[in-house]
Amino acid sequence: MQKIGIIGAMQEEITPLLALFGEHEAIKLGGNTFYRLTYKGAQIYIAYSKIGKVHAAITATTMIAHFGCEKIIFGGVAGGLRSDLKVGDIMIATSLCQHDVDISAFGHPLGFIPESRVFIDTDSALNAIARQVAAESSIDLKEGIIASGDEFIHDAKKKAWLIEQFGAAAVEMEGAAVAVASESFGVPFCVFRSISDSADGSADVSFDEFLDSSAKICAEFVKKMLDRILS
C-alpha cells in the first residue's frame, strides 16, 4: 500500500484538507498529532508541523522514518516576493534554501551548510503532476525559489535582500526543512504555497485576512494531486 505524507505548518492549513477527506484516525506521537486515512487504496498521513524549521523537520522525519511515507507534499501559505505574485496565486518551489543560515565567517556562501548545499531541488515528477493539475484546473501556476527561515518577514529591506541574495520568489518558515529531511531519506517531495500576502509591507494585516481562503485553495490542489498520483 502506497503511503503519502501531507504537511502544513498550522492547524488552519490542514483543517480544510481533513474536511475534504472526512473520516480519519488521530495518532499522537512526538508531541504532535498525525491523521491517518485511506484514500484510493493508499494510506495518507496528514499533520501540521507547527511553525518553524525545527518542527517541520521533525514532522517530515516522523512521517518518513516512523510511518513509512514514500512521498511528501508540503502545502500552505507564503509571502510573495516577486511582483507577479498576487494574493491567492499558487506556486511550486523549484528549489528551496535556508535564508537564515550564515557561516560566511568561514568563507561559505549564505545559506550553505557543510555536506549539503544552498539550494535543494524539489522532485521533478511531483512538480510535473502539479503542473498537470494546474492546467486542468485553469490555474496559472507560478514557479520559483522559496526561501525559508525562522522569521516572519515583513520588512521591505529584508524582502529585497532575499531576492538579491537567493533569487527568492516567496518566503515562509518551513519548506527548506522539509526539503532537507526528505532528501536525506531519499524521499521525493514537493512544496507548494498559496500566496496569502504580497509581502508588500502590510503582511501582518493581510496574512490573517487571507489565511483561511489560501488554505482552502491549497487543500483543493493537494486533493487533485493525490487523485492523479493514485489514478
C-alpha atoms as a PDB file:
ATOM      1  CA  MET A   1       0.000   0.000   0.000  1.00  0.00           C
ATOM      2  CA  GLN A   2       1.395   3.358  -1.018  1.00  0.00           C
ATOM      3  CA  LYS A   3       1.947   5.850   1.807  1.00  0.00           C
ATOM      4  CA  ILE A   4       1.945   9.601   1.262  1.00  0.00           C
ATOM      5  CA  GLY A   5       2.558  12.345   3.799  1.00  0.00           C
ATOM      6  CA  ILE A   6       0.952  15.768   3.620  1.00  0.00           C
ATOM      7  CA  ILE A   7       2.196  18.570   5.854  1.00  0.00           C
ATOM      8  CA  GLY A   8       1.024  22.064   6.657  1.00  0.00           C
ATOM      9  CA  ALA A   9       2.633  24.399   9.168  1.00  0.00           C
ATOM     10  CA  MET A  10      -0.530  25.426  11.015  1.00  0.00           C
ATOM     11  CA  GLN A  11      -3.806  23.843  12.004  1.00  0.00           C
ATOM     12  CA  GLU A  12      -5.594  26.273   9.695  1.00  0.00           C
ATOM     13  CA  GLU A  13      -3.607  24.869   6.766  1.00  0.00           C
ATOM     14  CA  ILE A  14      -4.746  21.254   7.235  1.00  0.00           C
ATOM     15  CA  THR A  15      -8.293  21.776   8.536  1.00  0.00           C
ATOM     16  CA  PRO A  16      -9.787  22.213   5.028  1.00  0.00           C
ATOM     17  CA  LEU A  17      -7.896  19.107   3.872  1.00  0.00           C
ATOM     18  CA  LEU A  18      -9.214  16.947   6.694  1.00  0.00           C
ATOM     19  CA  ALA A  19     -12.712  18.215   5.898  1.00  0.00           C
ATOM     20  CA  LEU A  20     -12.319  17.166   2.254  1.00  0.00           C
ATOM     21  CA  PHE A  21     -11.314  13.596   3.133  1.00  0.00           C
ATOM     22  CA  GLY A  22     -13.672  13.059   6.076  1.00  0.00           C
ATOM     23  CA  GLU A  23     -13.103  10.109   8.408  1.00  0.00           C
ATOM     24  CA  HIS A  24      -9.608   9.718   9.815  1.00  0.00           C
ATOM     25  CA  GLU A  25      -7.668   8.292  12.757  1.00  0.00           C
ATOM     26  CA  ALA A  26      -5.643  10.570  15.043  1.00  0.00           C
ATOM     27  CA  ILE A  27      -2.258   9.262  16.181  1.00  0.00           C
ATOM     28  CA  LYS A  28      -0.284  11.208  18.777  1.00  0.00           C
ATOM     29  CA  LEU A  29       3.475  10.915  18.519  1.00  0.00           C
ATOM     30  CA  GLY A  30       6.421  13.125  19.403  1.00  0.00           C
ATOM     31  CA  GLY A  31       4.282  15.950  20.708  1.00  0.00           C
ATOM     32  CA  ASN A  32       2.250  16.109  17.514  1.00  0.00           C
ATOM     33  CA  THR A  33      -0.876  14.554  16.003  1.00  0.00           C
ATOM     34  CA  PHE A  34      -0.802  12.632  12.742  1.00  0.00           C
ATOM     35  CA  TYR A  35      -4.089  11.976  10.986  1.00  0.00           C
ATOM     36  CA  ARG A  36      -4.213   8.693   9.078  1.00  0.00           C
ATOM     37  CA  LEU A  37      -6.820   7.843   6.487  1.00  0.00           C
ATOM     38  CA  THR A  38      -7.265   5.573   3.496  1.00  0.00           C
ATOM     39  CA  TYR A  39      -7.884   7.104   0.097  1.00  0.00           C
ATOM     40  CA  LYS A  40      -7.978   5.292  -3.241  1.00  0.00           C
ATOM     41  CA  GLY A  41      -6.104   2.323  -1.820  1.00  0.00           C
ATOM     42  CA  ALA A  42      -3.329   4.395  -0.247  1.00  0.00           C
ATOM     43  CA  GLN A  43      -2.578   5.413   3.306  1.00  0.00           C
ATOM     44  CA  ILE A  44      -2.483   9.180   3.685  1.00  0.00           C
ATOM     45  CA  TYR A  45      -0.884  10.851   6.682  1.00  0.00           C
ATOM     46  CA  ILE A  46      -1.748  14.494   7.361  1.00  0.00           C
ATOM     47  CA  ALA A  47      -0.197  16.700  10.023  1.00  0.00           C
ATOM     48  CA  TYR A  48       0.527  20.287  10.817  1.00  0.00           C
ATOM     49  CA  SER A  49       4.117  20.609  11.889  1.00  0.00           C
ATOM     50  CA  LYS A  50       3.814  23.794  13.939  1.00  0.00           C
ATOM     51  CA  ILE A  51       5.617  26.882  12.768  1.00  0.00           C
ATOM     52  CA  GLY A  52       9.332  26.891  12.048  1.00  0.00           C
ATOM     53  CA  LYS A  53      12.048  24.762  10.525  1.00  0.00           C
ATOM     54  CA  VAL A  54      12.732  22.544  13.543  1.00  0.00           C
ATOM     55  CA  HIS A  55       9.134  21.393  13.863  1.00  0.00           C
ATOM     56  CA  ALA A  56       8.815  20.928  10.111  1.00  0.00           C
ATOM     57  CA  ALA A  57      11.920  18.731  10.030  1.00  0.00           C
ATOM     58  CA  ILE A  58      10.662  16.638  12.956  1.00  0.00           C
ATOM     59  CA  THR A  59       7.288  16.133  11.290  1.00  0.00           C
ATOM     60  CA  ALA A  60       8.725  15.184   7.904  1.00  0.00           C
ATOM     61  CA  THR A  61      11.230  12.810   9.500  1.00  0.00           C
ATOM     62  CA  THR A  62       8.497  11.139  11.569  1.00  0.00           C
ATOM     63  CA  MET A  63       6.319  10.656   8.513  1.00  0.00           C
ATOM     64  CA  ILE A  64       9.193   9.059   6.623  1.00  0.00           C
ATOM     65  CA  ALA A  65      11.075   7.089   9.290  1.00  0.00           C
ATOM     66  CA  HIS A  66       8.156   6.047  11.504  1.00  0.00           C
ATOM     67  CA  PHE A  67       5.118   5.870   9.234  1.00  0.00           C
ATOM     68  CA  GLY A  68       6.993   4.912   6.073  1.00  0.00           C
ATOM     69  CA  CYS A  69       5.743   7.675   3.796  1.00  0.00           C
ATOM     70  CA  GLU A  70       7.173   7.347   0.293  1.00  0.00           C
ATOM     71  CA  LYS A  71       6.272  10.835  -0.902  1.00  0.00           C
ATOM     72  CA  ILE A  72       5.923  14.128   0.952  1.00  0.00           C
ATOM     73  CA  ILE A  73       3.733  17.025  -0.118  1.00  0.00           C
ATOM     74  CA  PHE A  74       4.055  20.252   1.810  1.00  0.00           C
ATOM     75  CA  GLY A  75       1.359  22.838   1.222  1.00  0.00           C
ATOM     76  CA  GLY A  76       0.345  26.033   2.889  1.00  0.00           C
ATOM     77  CA  VAL A  77       0.708  29.760   2.609  1.00  0.00           C
ATOM     78  CA  ALA A  78       3.647  32.056   1.954  1.00  0.00           C
ATOM     79  CA  GLY A  79       4.508  35.672   1.409  1.00  0.00           C
ATOM     80  CA  GLY A  80       5.175  36.611  -2.178  1.00  0.00           C
ATOM     81  CA  LEU A  81       8.355  38.488  -3.026  1.00  0.00           C
ATOM     82  CA  ARG A  82       8.131  38.673  -6.797  1.00  0.00           C
ATOM     83  CA  SER A  83       5.997  41.411  -8.321  1.00  0.00           C
ATOM     84  CA  ASP A  84       3.963  38.950 -10.408  1.00  0.00           C
ATOM     85  CA  LEU A  85       2.794  37.020  -7.333  1.00  0.00           C
ATOM     86  CA  LYS A  86      -0.606  38.123  -6.105  1.00  0.00           C
ATOM     87  CA  VAL A  87      -2.773  37.035  -3.195  1.00  0.00           C
ATOM     88  CA  GLY A  88      -4.349  33.662  -3.971  1.00  0.00           C
ATOM     89  CA  ASP A  89      -1.751  32.623  -6.551  1.00  0.00           C
ATOM     90  CA  ILE A  90      -0.355  29.099  -6.265  1.00  0.00           C
ATOM     91  CA  MET A  91       3.329  28.482  -6.774  1.00  0.00           C
ATOM     92  CA  ILE A  92       5.525  25.419  -6.586  1.00  0.00           C
ATOM     93  CA  ALA A  93       9.081  25.555  -5.353  1.00  0.00           C
ATOM     94  CA  THR A  94      11.656  24.587  -7.932  1.00  0.00           C
ATOM     95  CA  SER A  95      14.183  24.627  -5.106  1.00  0.00           C
ATOM     96  CA  LEU A  96      14.418  25.814  -1.516  1.00  0.00           C
ATOM     97  CA  CYS A  97      17.049  27.440   0.663  1.00  0.00           C
ATOM     98  CA  GLN A  98      17.526  28.414   4.292  1.00  0.00           C
ATOM     99  CA  HIS A  99      17.945  32.172   4.279  1.00  0.00           C
ATOM    100  CA  ASP A 100      18.847  32.379   7.964  1.00  0.00           C
ATOM    101  CA  VAL A 101      21.881  30.087   7.819  1.00  0.00           C
ATOM    102  CA  ASP A 102      25.045  32.168   7.947  1.00  0.00           C
ATOM    103  CA  ILE A 103      28.527  30.725   8.363  1.00  0.00           C
ATOM    104  CA  SER A 104      30.002  33.203   5.917  1.00  0.00           C
ATOM    105  CA  ALA A 105      32.673  33.989   8.524  1.00  0.00           C
ATOM    106  CA  PHE A 106      34.273  30.695   7.438  1.00  0.00           C
ATOM    107  CA  GLY A 107      34.166  31.616   3.757  1.00  0.00           C
ATOM    108  CA  HIS A 108      30.931  29.806   2.912  1.00  0.00           C
ATOM    109  CA  PRO A 109      28.068  31.382   0.956  1.00  0.00           C
ATOM    110  CA  LEU A 110      24.927  32.411   2.787  1.00  0.00           C
ATOM    111  CA  GLY A 111      22.541  29.509   3.257  1.00  0.00           C
ATOM    112  CA  PHE A 112      25.270  26.880   2.977  1.00  0.00           C
ATOM    113  CA  ILE A 113      25.733  24.022   5.447  1.00  0.00           C
ATOM    114  CA  PRO A 114      28.774  21.711   5.135  1.00  0.00           C
ATOM    115  CA  GLU A 115      27.960  18.352   3.490  1.00  0.00           C
ATOM    116  CA  SER A 116      24.876  19.982   1.997  1.00  0.00           C
ATOM    117  CA  ARG A 117      24.322  22.901  -0.358  1.00  0.00           C
ATOM    118  CA  VAL A 118      22.473  26.199  -0.549  1.00  0.00           C
ATOM    119  CA  PHE A 119      19.594  25.066  -2.789  1.00  0.00           C
ATOM    120  CA  ILE A 120      17.753  21.739  -2.633  1.00  0.00           C
ATOM    121  CA  ASP A 121      15.675  20.868  -5.683  1.00  0.00           C
ATOM    122  CA  THR A 122      12.154  19.508  -5.438  1.00  0.00           C
ATOM    123  CA  ASP A 123      11.034  16.336  -7.217  1.00  0.00           C
ATOM    124  CA  SER A 124      10.535  16.811 -10.946  1.00  0.00           C
ATOM    125  CA  ALA A 125       7.851  14.099 -11.233  1.00  0.00           C
ATOM    126  CA  LEU A 126       5.694  15.577  -8.469  1.00  0.00           C
ATOM    127  CA  ASN A 127       6.185  19.043  -9.928  1.00  0.00           C
ATOM    128  CA  ALA A 128       5.005  17.727 -13.290  1.00  0.00           C
ATOM    129  CA  ILE A 129       1.846  16.418 -11.622  1.00  0.00           C
ATOM    130  CA  ALA A 130       1.301  19.826 -10.037  1.00  0.00           C
ATOM    131  CA  ARG A 131       1.605  21.450 -13.462  1.00  0.00           C
ATOM    132  CA  GLN A 132      -0.922  18.990 -14.911  1.00  0.00           C
ATOM    133  CA  VAL A 133      -3.386  19.687 -12.091  1.00  0.00           C
ATOM    134  CA  ALA A 134      -2.964  23.405 -12.587  1.00  0.00           C
ATOM    135  CA  ALA A 135      -3.536  23.139 -16.333  1.00  0.00           C
ATOM    136  CA  GLU A 136      -6.674  21.032 -15.863  1.00  0.00           C
ATOM    137  CA  SER A 137      -7.970  23.498 -13.280  1.00  0.00           C
ATOM    138  CA  SER A 138      -7.127  26.591 -15.383  1.00  0.00           C
ATOM    139  CA  ILE A 139      -4.724  27.754 -12.678  1.00  0.00           C
ATOM    140  CA  ASP A 140      -1.820  29.982 -13.638  1.00  0.00           C
ATOM    141  CA  LEU A 141       0.751  28.043 -11.636  1.00  0.00           C
ATOM    142  CA  LYS A 142       3.808  30.048 -10.654  1.00  0.00           C
ATOM    143  CA  GLU A 143       7.242  28.582 -10.038  1.00  0.00           C
ATOM    144  CA  GLY A 144      10.355  29.762  -8.294  1.00  0.00           C
ATOM    145  CA  ILE A 145      12.762  29.540  -5.387  1.00  0.00           C
ATOM    146  CA  ILE A 146      11.269  29.555  -1.900  1.00  0.00           C
ATOM    147  CA  ALA A 147      13.394  30.840   0.965  1.00  0.00           C
ATOM    148  CA  SER A 148      12.723  29.504   4.469  1.00  0.00           C
ATOM    149  CA  GLY A 149      13.781  30.878   7.815  1.00  0.00           C
ATOM    150  CA  ASP A 150      12.640  31.152  11.404  1.00  0.00           C
ATOM    151  CA  GLU A 151      11.382  34.686  10.984  1.00  0.00           C
ATOM    152  CA  PHE A 152       8.122  36.191   9.727  1.00  0.00           C
ATOM    153  CA  ILE A 153       9.317  38.605   7.053  1.00  0.00           C
ATOM    154  CA  HIS A 154       7.551  41.970   6.955  1.00  0.00           C
ATOM    155  CA  ASP A 155      10.397  44.370   6.285  1.00  0.00           C
ATOM    156  CA  ALA A 156      10.850  45.773   2.771  1.00  0.00           C
ATOM    157  CA  LYS A 157      14.632  45.813   3.031  1.00  0.00           C
ATOM    158  CA  LYS A 158      14.729  42.163   4.115  1.00  0.00           C
ATOM    159  CA  LYS A 159      12.463  41.201   1.216  1.00  0.00           C
ATOM    160  CA  ALA A 160      14.767  42.953  -1.234  1.00  0.00           C
ATOM    161  CA  TRP A 161      17.730  41.178   0.391  1.00  0.00           C
ATOM    162  CA  LEU A 162      16.070  37.759  -0.088  1.00  0.00           C
ATOM    163  CA  ILE A 163      15.558  38.480  -3.758  1.00  0.00           C
ATOM    164  CA  GLU A 164      19.112  39.748  -4.209  1.00  0.00           C
ATOM    165  CA  GLN A 165      20.879  37.005  -2.245  1.00  0.00           C
ATOM    166  CA  PHE A 166      18.825  33.958  -3.209  1.00  0.00           C
ATOM    167  CA  GLY A 167      16.656  34.942  -6.161  1.00  0.00           C
ATOM    168  CA  ALA A 168      13.700  34.031  -3.962  1.00  0.00           C
ATOM    169  CA  ALA A 169      10.152  34.334  -5.269  1.00  0.00           C
ATOM    170  CA  ALA A 170       8.437  33.664  -1.936  1.00  0.00           C
ATOM    171  CA  VAL A 171       9.308  33.338   1.718  1.00  0.00           C
ATOM    172  CA  GLU A 172       7.997  31.147   4.536  1.00  0.00           C
ATOM    173  CA  MET A 173       9.247  29.303   7.611  1.00  0.00           C
ATOM    174  CA  GLU A 174       9.246  25.550   6.940  1.00  0.00           C
ATOM    175  CA  GLY A 175       9.716  24.355   3.365  1.00  0.00           C
ATOM    176  CA  ALA A 176      13.503  24.100   3.254  1.00  0.00           C
ATOM    177  CA  ALA A 177      13.498  21.982   6.423  1.00  0.00           C
ATOM    178  CA  VAL A 178      11.074  19.536   4.797  1.00  0.00           C
ATOM    179  CA  ALA A 179      13.366  19.538   1.764  1.00  0.00           C
ATOM    180  CA  VAL A 180      16.434  18.663   3.841  1.00  0.00           C
ATOM    181  CA  ALA A 181      14.653  15.872   5.730  1.00  0.00           C
ATOM    182  CA  SER A 182      13.081  14.374   2.610  1.00  0.00           C
ATOM    183  CA  GLU A 183      16.262  14.454   0.565  1.00  0.00           C
ATOM    184  CA  SER A 184      18.248  12.944   3.433  1.00  0.00           C
ATOM    185  CA  PHE A 185      15.987   9.882   3.313  1.00  0.00           C
ATOM    186  CA  GLY A 186      15.781   9.787  -0.478  1.00  0.00           C
ATOM    187  CA  VAL A 187      12.054  10.521  -0.483  1.00  0.00           C
ATOM    188  CA  PRO A 188      10.523  12.546  -3.349  1.00  0.00           C
ATOM    189  CA  PHE A 189       8.901  15.751  -2.167  1.00  0.00           C
ATOM    190  CA  CYS A 190       7.247  18.865  -3.451  1.00  0.00           C
ATOM    191  CA  VAL A 191       6.483  22.151  -1.796  1.00  0.00           C
ATOM    192  CA  PHE A 192       3.788  24.474  -2.989  1.00  0.00           C
ATOM    193  CA  ARG A 193       2.289  27.559  -1.482  1.00  0.00           C
ATOM    194  CA  SER A 194      -0.751  29.718  -1.910  1.00  0.00           C
ATOM    195  CA  ILE A 195       0.276  33.343  -1.702  1.00  0.00           C
ATOM    196  CA  SER A 196      -1.505  34.752   1.326  1.00  0.00           C
ATOM    197  CA  ASP A 197       0.095  38.176   1.238  1.00  0.00           C
ATOM    198  CA  SER A 198       2.079  40.092  -1.305  1.00  0.00           C
ATOM    199  CA  ALA A 199       4.956  40.807   1.080  1.00  0.00           C
ATOM    200  CA  ASP A 200       4.349  44.482   0.387  1.00  0.00           C
ATOM    201  CA  GLY A 201       4.805  45.919   3.865  1.00  0.00           C
ATOM    202  CA  SER A 202       1.329  45.028   5.148  1.00  0.00           C
ATOM    203  CA  ALA A 203       1.997  41.327   5.703  1.00  0.00           C
ATOM    204  CA  ASP A 204       0.955  41.467   9.357  1.00  0.00           C
ATOM    205  CA  VAL A 205      -2.526  42.568   8.258  1.00  0.00           C
ATOM    206  CA  SER A 206      -3.123  40.661   5.048  1.00  0.00           C
ATOM    207  CA  PHE A 207      -1.776  37.344   6.379  1.00  0.00           C
ATOM    208  CA  ASP A 208      -4.606  36.959   8.890  1.00  0.00           C
ATOM    209  CA  GLU A 209      -7.161  38.174   6.391  1.00  0.00           C
ATOM    210  CA  PHE A 210      -6.281  35.692   3.663  1.00  0.00           C
ATOM    211  CA  LEU A 211      -5.027  32.658   5.626  1.00  0.00           C
ATOM    212  CA  ASP A 212      -8.292  30.714   5.565  1.00  0.00           C
ATOM    213  CA  SER A 213      -9.050  31.287   1.888  1.00  0.00           C
ATOM    214  CA  SER A 214      -5.481  30.444   0.873  1.00  0.00           C
ATOM    215  CA  ALA A 215      -5.560  27.232   2.926  1.00  0.00           C
ATOM    216  CA  LYS A 216      -8.731  26.137   1.135  1.00  0.00           C
ATOM    217  CA  ILE A 217      -7.092  26.744  -2.231  1.00  0.00           C
ATOM    218  CA  CYS A 218      -4.146  24.575  -1.162  1.00  0.00           C
ATOM    219  CA  ALA A 219      -6.401  21.799   0.150  1.00  0.00           C
ATOM    220  CA  GLU A 220      -8.244  21.516  -3.152  1.00  0.00           C
ATOM    221  CA  PHE A 221      -4.945  21.481  -5.017  1.00  0.00           C
ATOM    222  CA  VAL A 222      -3.469  18.729  -2.807  1.00  0.00           C
ATOM    223  CA  LYS A 223      -6.530  16.536  -3.267  1.00  0.00           C
ATOM    224  CA  LYS A 224      -6.319  16.882  -7.043  1.00  0.00           C
ATOM    225  CA  MET A 225      -2.636  15.987  -6.925  1.00  0.00           C
ATOM    226  CA  LEU A 226      -3.436  12.869  -4.904  1.00  0.00           C
ATOM    227  CA  ASP A 227      -6.151  11.925  -7.399  1.00  0.00           C
ATOM    228  CA  ARG A 228      -3.571  11.993 -10.172  1.00  0.00           C
ATOM    229  CA  ILE A 229      -0.811  10.265  -8.181  1.00  0.00           C
ATOM    230  CA  LEU A 230      -3.168   7.438  -7.227  1.00  0.00           C
ATOM    231  CA  SER A 231      -5.007   7.095 -10.531  1.00  0.00           C
END
